[in-house]
Amino acid sequence: MKIGIIGAGVVGSTLGKGWAAKGHQVMFSSRNPHSDRMRALVAEAGPNASAGTVAETLAFGEVLVIAIGWEALPDALRGVGDWSGKIVIDATNRFSPPPANSVGSAAEDIAHITGARVVKAFNTIGAANMVDPPFSEKPTMFIAGDDSEAKATVTQLTEQMGFEVVDAGPLSNAGLLENLARLWVTLARGSLGPNIAFRLLRR
C-alpha cells in the first residue's frame, strides 16, 4: 500500500519507518524534501521510503497520515491538491481551544477542510511505542470514523503495528479519543512516565 506521511516529526517519522519496514511504500512530506534531514530519514527508513512535497505526498498516498501540530495544520491542508476519496489517519491532538470556525473535534475539522475519509487513530499512545509496542499484552488502539472501508484499511494497518483495534464509533466520537489522549499525556508526564498504554478488557 502507498502511505503518505504529512509531517516528518517524531510521530510521522516513527509511523512511516514502521510501515516501510513492513513492506509498504511510504513517502514523507517536507517543505524541503531534499534537505539533509529528509535524506537521512529516508535512508533510515529503507528502500521502501521516499520524500516529497505535501502536494507530491498527497498525490502519492492511497492512505495519508496527518501528523502535524495543529497550529500549522489548516494551512498545510488547503490548496495542495485533491483529498477526495483519500483515506486519512488523523494522529493529531488539539489541546488548545478550537478555532472559531471549528465544526467539532480536530478530526472533524480535518474532514471538513479536506473532504477526505478521516479515521482518528494513533493519538492515544507515545511515539516510542507506536511500532511493535513492547508490552506484556497488545495495547488497544481506539479508532473512530464514518467510512467503513476506510476503517477496515486503518484497522489492518494498525494491527500490523502490533495493536488490538477497537472501533469507537463514528467520527463524531473522535473528541472522546482526543480527551483520552489528554489523560494519557497527564499520566505520562506524571509518575508513570511515557511507557504506558491503554488496553480494553472484556469478560
N, C-alpha and C. Protein backbone atom coordinates (compact mmCIF):
# COMPACT_ATOMS: atom_id res chain seq x y z
N MET A 1 0.84 -1.18 0.00
CA MET A 1 0.00 0.00 0.00
C MET A 1 0.88 1.25 0.00
N LYS A 2 0.43 2.29 -0.65
CA LYS A 2 1.17 3.55 -0.67
C LYS A 2 0.64 4.46 0.44
N ILE A 3 1.54 4.84 1.34
CA ILE A 3 1.18 5.63 2.51
C ILE A 3 1.95 6.93 2.49
N GLY A 4 1.24 8.05 2.51
CA GLY A 4 1.87 9.36 2.57
C GLY A 4 1.83 9.89 3.99
N ILE A 5 2.95 10.39 4.46
CA ILE A 5 3.06 10.92 5.82
C ILE A 5 3.15 12.44 5.73
N ILE A 6 2.10 13.11 6.16
CA ILE A 6 2.10 14.58 6.16
C ILE A 6 2.64 15.04 7.50
N GLY A 7 3.90 15.39 7.51
CA GLY A 7 4.58 15.76 8.73
C GLY A 7 5.64 14.74 9.08
N ALA A 8 6.89 15.17 9.14
CA ALA A 8 8.00 14.24 9.36
C ALA A 8 8.64 14.47 10.72
N GLY A 9 7.81 14.81 11.72
CA GLY A 9 8.30 14.90 13.09
C GLY A 9 8.41 13.52 13.71
N VAL A 10 8.40 13.46 15.03
CA VAL A 10 8.61 12.18 15.72
C VAL A 10 7.51 11.18 15.39
N VAL A 11 6.24 11.61 15.46
CA VAL A 11 5.14 10.68 15.20
C VAL A 11 5.14 10.23 13.74
N GLY A 12 5.19 11.18 12.81
CA GLY A 12 5.18 10.82 11.40
C GLY A 12 6.36 9.96 11.00
N SER A 13 7.54 10.29 11.51
CA SER A 13 8.73 9.50 11.18
C SER A 13 8.62 8.09 11.71
N THR A 14 8.13 7.95 12.95
CA THR A 14 8.00 6.64 13.56
C THR A 14 7.03 5.76 12.79
N LEU A 15 5.85 6.30 12.49
CA LEU A 15 4.86 5.52 11.76
C LEU A 15 5.35 5.17 10.35
N GLY A 16 5.93 6.15 9.67
CA GLY A 16 6.41 5.90 8.32
C GLY A 16 7.49 4.83 8.28
N LYS A 17 8.45 4.90 9.19
CA LYS A 17 9.50 3.88 9.22
C LYS A 17 8.93 2.51 9.56
N GLY A 18 7.92 2.50 10.45
CA GLY A 18 7.31 1.23 10.82
C GLY A 18 6.62 0.56 9.64
N TRP A 19 5.83 1.33 8.90
CA TRP A 19 5.13 0.73 7.76
C TRP A 19 6.08 0.40 6.62
N ALA A 20 7.11 1.21 6.43
CA ALA A 20 8.10 0.89 5.39
C ALA A 20 8.79 -0.43 5.70
N ALA A 21 9.09 -0.66 6.98
CA ALA A 21 9.74 -1.91 7.38
C ALA A 21 8.82 -3.11 7.17
N LYS A 22 7.52 -2.87 7.14
CA LYS A 22 6.56 -3.95 6.96
C LYS A 22 6.14 -4.11 5.50
N GLY A 23 6.85 -3.43 4.60
CA GLY A 23 6.66 -3.68 3.18
C GLY A 23 5.82 -2.67 2.43
N HIS A 24 5.32 -1.65 3.09
CA HIS A 24 4.53 -0.63 2.41
C HIS A 24 5.44 0.41 1.78
N GLN A 25 4.94 1.05 0.72
CA GLN A 25 5.65 2.17 0.11
C GLN A 25 5.26 3.45 0.85
N VAL A 26 6.24 4.19 1.32
CA VAL A 26 5.99 5.34 2.18
C VAL A 26 6.67 6.58 1.60
N MET A 27 5.94 7.69 1.60
CA MET A 27 6.53 8.97 1.23
C MET A 27 6.34 9.95 2.38
N PHE A 28 7.44 10.56 2.83
CA PHE A 28 7.40 11.59 3.86
C PHE A 28 7.31 12.96 3.20
N SER A 29 6.48 13.83 3.74
CA SER A 29 6.35 15.16 3.17
C SER A 29 7.25 16.15 3.91
N SER A 30 7.70 17.15 3.19
CA SER A 30 8.51 18.21 3.77
C SER A 30 8.48 19.41 2.84
N ARG A 31 8.63 20.59 3.42
CA ARG A 31 8.79 21.78 2.57
C ARG A 31 10.07 21.70 1.75
N ASN A 32 11.05 20.99 2.28
CA ASN A 32 12.31 20.81 1.57
C ASN A 32 12.67 19.32 1.58
N PRO A 33 12.07 18.55 0.68
CA PRO A 33 12.27 17.10 0.71
C PRO A 33 13.69 16.65 0.40
N HIS A 34 14.53 17.55 -0.09
CA HIS A 34 15.91 17.19 -0.42
C HIS A 34 16.90 17.66 0.63
N SER A 35 16.40 18.07 1.80
CA SER A 35 17.29 18.53 2.87
C SER A 35 18.08 17.35 3.43
N ASP A 36 19.16 17.67 4.13
CA ASP A 36 19.97 16.62 4.73
C ASP A 36 19.14 15.80 5.72
N ARG A 37 18.27 16.47 6.47
CA ARG A 37 17.44 15.77 7.45
C ARG A 37 16.52 14.76 6.78
N MET A 38 15.90 15.16 5.67
CA MET A 38 14.99 14.24 4.99
C MET A 38 15.75 13.12 4.30
N ARG A 39 16.91 13.42 3.75
CA ARG A 39 17.73 12.36 3.16
C ARG A 39 18.11 11.31 4.21
N ALA A 40 18.43 11.78 5.41
CA ALA A 40 18.79 10.87 6.48
C ALA A 40 17.59 10.03 6.91
N LEU A 41 16.40 10.65 6.98
CA LEU A 41 15.19 9.93 7.36
C LEU A 41 14.86 8.84 6.34
N VAL A 42 14.94 9.18 5.06
CA VAL A 42 14.65 8.21 4.01
C VAL A 42 15.65 7.06 4.05
N ALA A 43 16.91 7.40 4.26
CA ALA A 43 17.93 6.35 4.34
C ALA A 43 17.67 5.42 5.52
N GLU A 44 17.26 5.98 6.64
CA GLU A 44 16.98 5.17 7.83
C GLU A 44 15.73 4.30 7.63
N ALA A 45 14.75 4.84 6.91
CA ALA A 45 13.51 4.09 6.67
C ALA A 45 13.69 2.96 5.67
N GLY A 46 14.70 3.05 4.82
CA GLY A 46 15.00 1.94 3.91
C GLY A 46 14.47 2.12 2.51
N PRO A 47 14.59 1.08 1.69
CA PRO A 47 14.32 1.19 0.26
C PRO A 47 12.85 1.43 -0.10
N ASN A 48 11.93 1.22 0.84
CA ASN A 48 10.52 1.47 0.56
C ASN A 48 10.11 2.91 0.82
N ALA A 49 11.06 3.76 1.18
CA ALA A 49 10.73 5.14 1.58
C ALA A 49 11.26 6.16 0.58
N SER A 50 10.57 7.28 0.52
CA SER A 50 10.99 8.42 -0.29
C SER A 50 10.48 9.69 0.38
N ALA A 51 10.81 10.84 -0.19
CA ALA A 51 10.35 12.11 0.36
C ALA A 51 9.84 12.98 -0.77
N GLY A 52 8.88 13.85 -0.45
CA GLY A 52 8.32 14.76 -1.44
C GLY A 52 7.67 15.95 -0.77
N THR A 53 7.17 16.84 -1.57
CA THR A 53 6.42 17.97 -1.03
C THR A 53 5.07 17.47 -0.53
N VAL A 54 4.32 18.34 0.15
CA VAL A 54 2.99 17.95 0.61
C VAL A 54 2.12 17.56 -0.58
N ALA A 55 2.17 18.35 -1.64
CA ALA A 55 1.36 18.04 -2.82
C ALA A 55 1.76 16.71 -3.44
N GLU A 56 3.05 16.44 -3.53
CA GLU A 56 3.52 15.17 -4.09
C GLU A 56 3.11 14.00 -3.19
N THR A 57 3.19 14.21 -1.88
CA THR A 57 2.82 13.16 -0.94
C THR A 57 1.33 12.87 -1.00
N LEU A 58 0.53 13.92 -1.14
CA LEU A 58 -0.92 13.75 -1.28
C LEU A 58 -1.25 12.95 -2.54
N ALA A 59 -0.60 13.28 -3.65
CA ALA A 59 -0.86 12.56 -4.90
C ALA A 59 -0.39 11.11 -4.81
N PHE A 60 0.65 10.86 -4.05
CA PHE A 60 1.24 9.52 -3.93
C PHE A 60 0.39 8.57 -3.10
N GLY A 61 -0.13 9.06 -1.99
CA GLY A 61 -0.68 8.17 -0.98
C GLY A 61 -2.10 7.69 -1.25
N GLU A 62 -2.30 6.39 -1.10
CA GLU A 62 -3.67 5.86 -1.01
C GLU A 62 -4.23 6.14 0.39
N VAL A 63 -3.33 6.11 1.36
CA VAL A 63 -3.64 6.48 2.74
C VAL A 63 -2.70 7.62 3.13
N LEU A 64 -3.24 8.63 3.77
CA LEU A 64 -2.45 9.76 4.25
C LEU A 64 -2.51 9.80 5.76
N VAL A 65 -1.37 10.02 6.39
CA VAL A 65 -1.31 10.17 7.84
C VAL A 65 -1.04 11.65 8.14
N ILE A 66 -1.91 12.25 8.96
CA ILE A 66 -1.73 13.64 9.36
C ILE A 66 -1.02 13.64 10.70
N ALA A 67 0.20 14.17 10.74
CA ALA A 67 1.00 14.18 11.97
C ALA A 67 1.72 15.52 12.08
N ILE A 68 0.94 16.60 12.02
CA ILE A 68 1.46 17.96 12.11
C ILE A 68 0.82 18.63 13.30
N GLY A 69 1.57 19.49 13.97
CA GLY A 69 1.00 20.29 15.05
C GLY A 69 -0.19 21.09 14.54
N TRP A 70 -1.24 21.18 15.36
CA TRP A 70 -2.49 21.75 14.88
C TRP A 70 -2.34 23.20 14.41
N GLU A 71 -1.46 23.95 15.01
CA GLU A 71 -1.33 25.36 14.66
C GLU A 71 -0.99 25.55 13.18
N ALA A 72 -0.18 24.65 12.63
CA ALA A 72 0.23 24.75 11.23
C ALA A 72 -0.64 23.93 10.30
N LEU A 73 -1.57 23.18 10.86
CA LEU A 73 -2.27 22.18 10.06
C LEU A 73 -3.22 22.75 9.01
N PRO A 74 -4.14 23.66 9.36
CA PRO A 74 -5.09 24.12 8.34
C PRO A 74 -4.42 24.66 7.08
N ASP A 75 -3.36 25.45 7.25
CA ASP A 75 -2.66 26.00 6.08
C ASP A 75 -1.99 24.89 5.28
N ALA A 76 -1.51 23.84 5.96
CA ALA A 76 -0.83 22.76 5.26
C ALA A 76 -1.80 21.92 4.44
N LEU A 77 -3.07 21.90 4.83
CA LEU A 77 -4.04 21.04 4.15
C LEU A 77 -4.71 21.71 2.96
N ARG A 78 -4.79 23.01 2.98
CA ARG A 78 -5.54 23.72 1.93
C ARG A 78 -4.66 24.00 0.72
N GLY A 79 -5.26 23.87 -0.45
CA GLY A 79 -4.62 24.32 -1.68
C GLY A 79 -3.46 23.47 -2.15
N VAL A 80 -3.35 22.20 -1.69
CA VAL A 80 -2.22 21.37 -2.11
C VAL A 80 -2.63 20.26 -3.05
N GLY A 81 -3.92 20.11 -3.32
CA GLY A 81 -4.37 19.05 -4.21
C GLY A 81 -5.73 18.53 -3.80
N ASP A 82 -6.11 17.43 -4.40
CA ASP A 82 -7.45 16.87 -4.21
C ASP A 82 -7.40 15.74 -3.18
N TRP A 83 -8.11 15.94 -2.07
CA TRP A 83 -8.16 14.95 -1.00
C TRP A 83 -9.34 13.99 -1.14
N SER A 84 -10.25 14.26 -2.07
CA SER A 84 -11.48 13.48 -2.16
C SER A 84 -11.17 12.00 -2.40
N GLY A 85 -11.83 11.14 -1.64
CA GLY A 85 -11.62 9.71 -1.76
C GLY A 85 -10.44 9.17 -0.99
N LYS A 86 -9.57 10.04 -0.51
CA LYS A 86 -8.39 9.59 0.22
C LYS A 86 -8.79 9.12 1.63
N ILE A 87 -8.11 8.10 2.10
CA ILE A 87 -8.24 7.68 3.49
C ILE A 87 -7.20 8.46 4.30
N VAL A 88 -7.64 9.14 5.32
CA VAL A 88 -6.75 9.96 6.14
C VAL A 88 -6.77 9.45 7.57
N ILE A 89 -5.59 9.14 8.10
CA ILE A 89 -5.44 8.81 9.51
C ILE A 89 -5.06 10.09 10.24
N ASP A 90 -5.92 10.52 11.15
CA ASP A 90 -5.62 11.71 11.96
C ASP A 90 -4.97 11.26 13.25
N ALA A 91 -3.66 11.50 13.36
CA ALA A 91 -2.90 11.14 14.56
C ALA A 91 -2.63 12.36 15.43
N THR A 92 -3.34 13.46 15.17
CA THR A 92 -3.07 14.70 15.90
C THR A 92 -3.86 14.76 17.20
N ASN A 93 -3.44 15.69 18.05
CA ASN A 93 -4.21 16.05 19.24
C ASN A 93 -4.21 17.57 19.36
N ARG A 94 -5.38 18.13 19.47
CA ARG A 94 -5.50 19.59 19.62
C ARG A 94 -5.91 19.87 21.06
N PHE A 95 -4.95 20.29 21.87
CA PHE A 95 -5.22 20.57 23.27
C PHE A 95 -5.54 22.05 23.51
N SER A 96 -5.30 22.88 22.51
CA SER A 96 -5.66 24.30 22.62
C SER A 96 -7.14 24.48 22.30
N PRO A 97 -7.73 25.61 22.66
CA PRO A 97 -9.15 25.84 22.32
C PRO A 97 -9.35 25.76 20.81
N PRO A 98 -10.49 25.21 20.36
CA PRO A 98 -10.74 25.10 18.91
C PRO A 98 -10.89 26.47 18.28
N PRO A 99 -10.55 26.60 17.01
CA PRO A 99 -10.73 27.89 16.32
C PRO A 99 -12.20 28.23 16.19
N ALA A 100 -12.46 29.48 15.87
CA ALA A 100 -13.84 29.96 15.81
C ALA A 100 -14.66 29.23 14.75
N ASN A 101 -14.02 28.77 13.69
CA ASN A 101 -14.73 28.09 12.61
C ASN A 101 -14.73 26.58 12.75
N SER A 102 -14.39 26.06 13.93
CA SER A 102 -14.34 24.62 14.16
C SER A 102 -15.73 24.01 14.05
N VAL A 103 -15.78 22.77 13.53
CA VAL A 103 -17.05 22.05 13.45
C VAL A 103 -17.13 20.95 14.50
N GLY A 104 -16.09 20.81 15.33
CA GLY A 104 -16.10 19.78 16.36
C GLY A 104 -14.69 19.46 16.80
N SER A 105 -14.35 18.19 16.78
CA SER A 105 -13.00 17.75 17.15
C SER A 105 -12.00 18.11 16.05
N ALA A 106 -10.71 17.90 16.36
CA ALA A 106 -9.69 18.12 15.34
C ALA A 106 -9.93 17.23 14.13
N ALA A 107 -10.31 15.97 14.37
CA ALA A 107 -10.56 15.04 13.27
C ALA A 107 -11.72 15.51 12.39
N GLU A 108 -12.77 16.01 13.02
CA GLU A 108 -13.92 16.51 12.25
C GLU A 108 -13.54 17.75 11.46
N ASP A 109 -12.68 18.58 12.03
CA ASP A 109 -12.22 19.76 11.30
C ASP A 109 -11.39 19.35 10.08
N ILE A 110 -10.54 18.34 10.23
CA ILE A 110 -9.76 17.86 9.09
C ILE A 110 -10.67 17.33 8.00
N ALA A 111 -11.69 16.57 8.38
CA ALA A 111 -12.65 16.07 7.40
C ALA A 111 -13.37 17.21 6.70
N HIS A 112 -13.72 18.24 7.45
CA HIS A 112 -14.42 19.40 6.88
C HIS A 112 -13.53 20.15 5.90
N ILE A 113 -12.25 20.31 6.25
CA ILE A 113 -11.31 21.05 5.40
C ILE A 113 -11.00 20.28 4.12
N THR A 114 -10.81 18.97 4.24
CA THR A 114 -10.30 18.18 3.12
C THR A 114 -11.36 17.44 2.32
N GLY A 115 -12.47 17.08 2.97
CA GLY A 115 -13.46 16.22 2.31
C GLY A 115 -13.00 14.78 2.20
N ALA A 116 -11.94 14.42 2.92
CA ALA A 116 -11.40 13.06 2.87
C ALA A 116 -12.16 12.15 3.84
N ARG A 117 -11.86 10.86 3.74
CA ARG A 117 -12.44 9.86 4.65
C ARG A 117 -11.51 9.72 5.85
N VAL A 118 -11.82 10.44 6.90
CA VAL A 118 -10.91 10.58 8.04
C VAL A 118 -11.20 9.53 9.10
N VAL A 119 -10.14 8.93 9.62
CA VAL A 119 -10.22 7.99 10.73
C VAL A 119 -9.25 8.47 11.81
N LYS A 120 -9.77 8.65 13.02
CA LYS A 120 -8.91 9.03 14.14
C LYS A 120 -8.20 7.79 14.66
N ALA A 121 -6.87 7.87 14.81
CA ALA A 121 -6.09 6.73 15.31
C ALA A 121 -4.70 7.21 15.69
N PHE A 122 -3.99 6.40 16.45
CA PHE A 122 -2.59 6.66 16.83
C PHE A 122 -2.42 7.98 17.61
N ASN A 123 -3.44 8.39 18.34
CA ASN A 123 -3.32 9.63 19.12
C ASN A 123 -3.30 9.38 20.62
N THR A 124 -3.40 8.11 21.05
CA THR A 124 -3.52 7.83 22.48
C THR A 124 -2.36 7.00 23.02
N ILE A 125 -1.21 7.12 22.41
CA ILE A 125 0.00 6.44 22.87
C ILE A 125 1.20 7.24 22.40
N GLY A 126 2.31 7.12 23.12
CA GLY A 126 3.51 7.85 22.74
C GLY A 126 4.18 7.26 21.52
N ALA A 127 4.89 8.10 20.78
CA ALA A 127 5.53 7.67 19.54
C ALA A 127 6.51 6.52 19.75
N ALA A 128 7.16 6.48 20.91
CA ALA A 128 8.17 5.45 21.15
C ALA A 128 7.57 4.04 21.17
N ASN A 129 6.25 3.95 21.36
CA ASN A 129 5.59 2.65 21.45
C ASN A 129 4.55 2.44 20.36
N MET A 130 4.70 3.15 19.24
CA MET A 130 3.72 3.04 18.16
C MET A 130 3.98 1.87 17.22
N VAL A 131 5.17 1.31 17.25
CA VAL A 131 5.52 0.20 16.35
C VAL A 131 5.96 -0.98 17.19
N ASP A 132 5.26 -2.12 17.03
CA ASP A 132 5.57 -3.31 17.80
C ASP A 132 5.73 -3.00 19.28
N PRO A 133 4.69 -2.45 19.92
CA PRO A 133 4.79 -1.99 21.30
C PRO A 133 5.20 -3.12 22.24
N PRO A 134 6.26 -2.89 23.04
CA PRO A 134 6.85 -3.97 23.86
C PRO A 134 6.17 -4.13 25.22
N PHE A 135 4.88 -4.39 25.22
CA PHE A 135 4.15 -4.62 26.46
C PHE A 135 3.85 -6.11 26.60
N SER A 136 3.43 -6.52 27.79
CA SER A 136 3.14 -7.93 28.02
C SER A 136 1.91 -8.40 27.25
N GLU A 137 1.00 -7.47 26.93
CA GLU A 137 -0.17 -7.76 26.11
C GLU A 137 -0.30 -6.68 25.05
N LYS A 138 -1.03 -6.99 23.99
CA LYS A 138 -1.24 -5.99 22.95
C LYS A 138 -2.04 -4.81 23.51
N PRO A 139 -1.53 -3.60 23.36
CA PRO A 139 -2.33 -2.45 23.78
C PRO A 139 -3.48 -2.22 22.81
N THR A 140 -4.48 -1.51 23.28
CA THR A 140 -5.65 -1.20 22.47
C THR A 140 -5.44 0.12 21.75
N MET A 141 -5.74 0.13 20.47
CA MET A 141 -5.80 1.39 19.71
C MET A 141 -7.25 1.63 19.33
N PHE A 142 -7.83 2.67 19.90
CA PHE A 142 -9.19 3.05 19.56
C PHE A 142 -9.18 3.87 18.28
N ILE A 143 -10.13 3.59 17.40
CA ILE A 143 -10.26 4.37 16.17
C ILE A 143 -11.70 4.86 16.05
N ALA A 144 -11.88 5.94 15.31
CA ALA A 144 -13.23 6.47 15.08
C ALA A 144 -13.29 7.03 13.67
N GLY A 145 -14.40 6.78 12.99
CA GLY A 145 -14.58 7.29 11.64
C GLY A 145 -15.94 6.92 11.10
N ASP A 146 -16.32 7.52 9.99
CA ASP A 146 -17.65 7.31 9.41
C ASP A 146 -17.66 6.33 8.25
N ASP A 147 -16.53 6.11 7.61
CA ASP A 147 -16.46 5.30 6.40
C ASP A 147 -15.97 3.90 6.76
N SER A 148 -16.79 2.88 6.53
CA SER A 148 -16.45 1.52 6.94
C SER A 148 -15.24 0.97 6.19
N GLU A 149 -15.12 1.29 4.90
CA GLU A 149 -13.96 0.82 4.13
C GLU A 149 -12.68 1.45 4.66
N ALA A 150 -12.74 2.76 4.96
CA ALA A 150 -11.57 3.44 5.50
C ALA A 150 -11.17 2.85 6.84
N LYS A 151 -12.17 2.56 7.69
CA LYS A 151 -11.85 1.99 9.00
C LYS A 151 -11.28 0.58 8.86
N ALA A 152 -11.73 -0.17 7.89
CA ALA A 152 -11.18 -1.51 7.67
C ALA A 152 -9.70 -1.42 7.27
N THR A 153 -9.38 -0.47 6.40
CA THR A 153 -7.99 -0.28 5.98
C THR A 153 -7.12 0.16 7.14
N VAL A 154 -7.61 1.12 7.91
CA VAL A 154 -6.84 1.62 9.06
C VAL A 154 -6.69 0.52 10.10
N THR A 155 -7.71 -0.29 10.29
CA THR A 155 -7.62 -1.41 11.22
C THR A 155 -6.49 -2.35 10.80
N GLN A 156 -6.43 -2.69 9.52
CA GLN A 156 -5.38 -3.59 9.03
C GLN A 156 -3.99 -2.99 9.28
N LEU A 157 -3.82 -1.72 8.96
CA LEU A 157 -2.52 -1.07 9.14
C LEU A 157 -2.15 -0.98 10.61
N THR A 158 -3.13 -0.75 11.45
CA THR A 158 -2.87 -0.62 12.89
C THR A 158 -2.53 -1.96 13.51
N GLU A 159 -3.23 -3.00 13.08
CA GLU A 159 -2.91 -4.34 13.58
C GLU A 159 -1.51 -4.76 13.16
N GLN A 160 -1.07 -4.35 11.98
CA GLN A 160 0.29 -4.66 11.55
C GLN A 160 1.34 -4.04 12.45
N MET A 161 0.98 -2.95 13.11
CA MET A 161 1.90 -2.28 14.03
C MET A 161 1.92 -2.96 15.40
N GLY A 162 1.00 -3.90 15.65
CA GLY A 162 1.04 -4.65 16.89
C GLY A 162 -0.04 -4.29 17.89
N PHE A 163 -1.15 -3.70 17.43
CA PHE A 163 -2.22 -3.28 18.33
C PHE A 163 -3.47 -4.13 18.15
N GLU A 164 -4.25 -4.22 19.22
CA GLU A 164 -5.63 -4.65 19.12
C GLU A 164 -6.44 -3.40 18.79
N VAL A 165 -7.27 -3.48 17.78
CA VAL A 165 -8.05 -2.31 17.35
C VAL A 165 -9.47 -2.43 17.88
N VAL A 166 -9.96 -1.34 18.45
CA VAL A 166 -11.34 -1.25 18.91
C VAL A 166 -12.00 -0.09 18.19
N ASP A 167 -13.09 -0.38 17.51
CA ASP A 167 -13.86 0.63 16.80
C ASP A 167 -14.68 1.43 17.81
N ALA A 168 -14.35 2.69 17.97
CA ALA A 168 -15.02 3.54 18.94
C ALA A 168 -16.20 4.30 18.34
N GLY A 169 -16.59 3.94 17.11
CA GLY A 169 -17.78 4.55 16.54
C GLY A 169 -17.50 5.60 15.49
N PRO A 170 -18.46 6.48 15.24
CA PRO A 170 -18.36 7.45 14.16
C PRO A 170 -17.34 8.55 14.47
N LEU A 171 -17.07 9.36 13.47
CA LEU A 171 -16.08 10.43 13.63
C LEU A 171 -16.52 11.43 14.69
N SER A 172 -17.80 11.53 14.94
CA SER A 172 -18.28 12.43 15.99
C SER A 172 -17.78 12.01 17.37
N ASN A 173 -17.28 10.77 17.50
CA ASN A 173 -16.70 10.31 18.76
C ASN A 173 -15.20 10.58 18.85
N ALA A 174 -14.63 11.20 17.82
CA ALA A 174 -13.18 11.46 17.84
C ALA A 174 -12.79 12.36 18.99
N GLY A 175 -13.70 13.26 19.38
CA GLY A 175 -13.40 14.12 20.53
C GLY A 175 -13.18 13.32 21.80
N LEU A 176 -13.86 12.19 21.94
CA LEU A 176 -13.65 11.33 23.10
C LEU A 176 -12.23 10.76 23.10
N LEU A 177 -11.73 10.42 21.92
CA LEU A 177 -10.37 9.90 21.82
C LEU A 177 -9.34 10.99 22.07
N GLU A 178 -9.67 12.22 21.66
CA GLU A 178 -8.78 13.34 21.95
C GLU A 178 -8.73 13.61 23.45
N ASN A 179 -9.85 13.43 24.14
CA ASN A 179 -9.85 13.56 25.60
C ASN A 179 -9.08 12.42 26.25
N LEU A 180 -9.18 11.22 25.68
CA LEU A 180 -8.39 10.10 26.19
C LEU A 180 -6.90 10.38 26.05
N ALA A 181 -6.54 11.06 24.97
CA ALA A 181 -5.14 11.45 24.79
C ALA A 181 -4.70 12.44 25.87
N ARG A 182 -5.59 13.31 26.26
CA ARG A 182 -5.27 14.24 27.36
C ARG A 182 -4.93 13.46 28.63
N LEU A 183 -5.73 12.42 28.90
CA LEU A 183 -5.46 11.59 30.07
C LEU A 183 -4.10 10.91 29.93
N TRP A 184 -3.82 10.35 28.74
CA TRP A 184 -2.52 9.69 28.53
C TRP A 184 -1.38 10.66 28.80
N VAL A 185 -1.47 11.87 28.27
CA VAL A 185 -0.40 12.87 28.46
C VAL A 185 -0.25 13.21 29.94
N THR A 186 -1.37 13.38 30.64
CA THR A 186 -1.32 13.70 32.06
C THR A 186 -0.61 12.60 32.84
N LEU A 187 -0.96 11.35 32.55
CA LEU A 187 -0.33 10.23 33.23
C LEU A 187 1.15 10.10 32.85
N ALA A 188 1.44 10.27 31.57
CA ALA A 188 2.81 10.11 31.08
C ALA A 188 3.74 11.17 31.64
N ARG A 189 3.22 12.37 31.85
CA ARG A 189 4.04 13.44 32.39
C ARG A 189 4.13 13.38 33.91
N GLY A 190 3.34 12.51 34.51
CA GLY A 190 3.39 12.31 35.95
C GLY A 190 4.34 11.19 36.32
N SER A 191 4.01 10.47 37.39
CA SER A 191 4.93 9.47 37.92
C SER A 191 5.01 8.21 37.06
N LEU A 192 4.03 8.00 36.14
CA LEU A 192 4.03 6.76 35.36
C LEU A 192 5.02 6.77 34.21
N GLY A 193 5.31 7.94 33.67
CA GLY A 193 6.22 8.01 32.55
C GLY A 193 5.56 7.64 31.23
N PRO A 194 6.26 7.79 30.11
CA PRO A 194 5.65 7.63 28.80
C PRO A 194 5.47 6.21 28.31
N ASN A 195 6.04 5.23 28.98
CA ASN A 195 5.94 3.85 28.50
C ASN A 195 4.70 3.17 29.06
N ILE A 196 3.56 3.75 28.76
CA ILE A 196 2.27 3.24 29.20
C ILE A 196 1.32 3.20 28.01
N ALA A 197 0.31 2.36 28.13
CA ALA A 197 -0.67 2.22 27.04
C ALA A 197 -1.99 1.80 27.64
N PHE A 198 -3.07 2.07 26.91
CA PHE A 198 -4.41 1.65 27.33
C PHE A 198 -4.71 0.27 26.75
N ARG A 199 -5.49 -0.49 27.50
CA ARG A 199 -5.98 -1.78 27.00
C ARG A 199 -7.41 -1.98 27.48
N LEU A 200 -8.29 -2.34 26.55
CA LEU A 200 -9.67 -2.64 26.88
C LEU A 200 -9.79 -4.11 27.27
N LEU A 201 -10.33 -4.36 28.44
CA LEU A 201 -10.52 -5.73 28.91
C LEU A 201 -11.97 -6.14 28.77
N ARG A 202 -12.19 -7.40 28.46
CA ARG A 202 -13.55 -7.92 28.30
C ARG A 202 -13.72 -9.13 29.21
N ARG A 203 -14.95 -9.38 29.61
CA ARG A 203 -15.25 -10.57 30.40
C ARG A 203 -16.29 -11.40 29.69
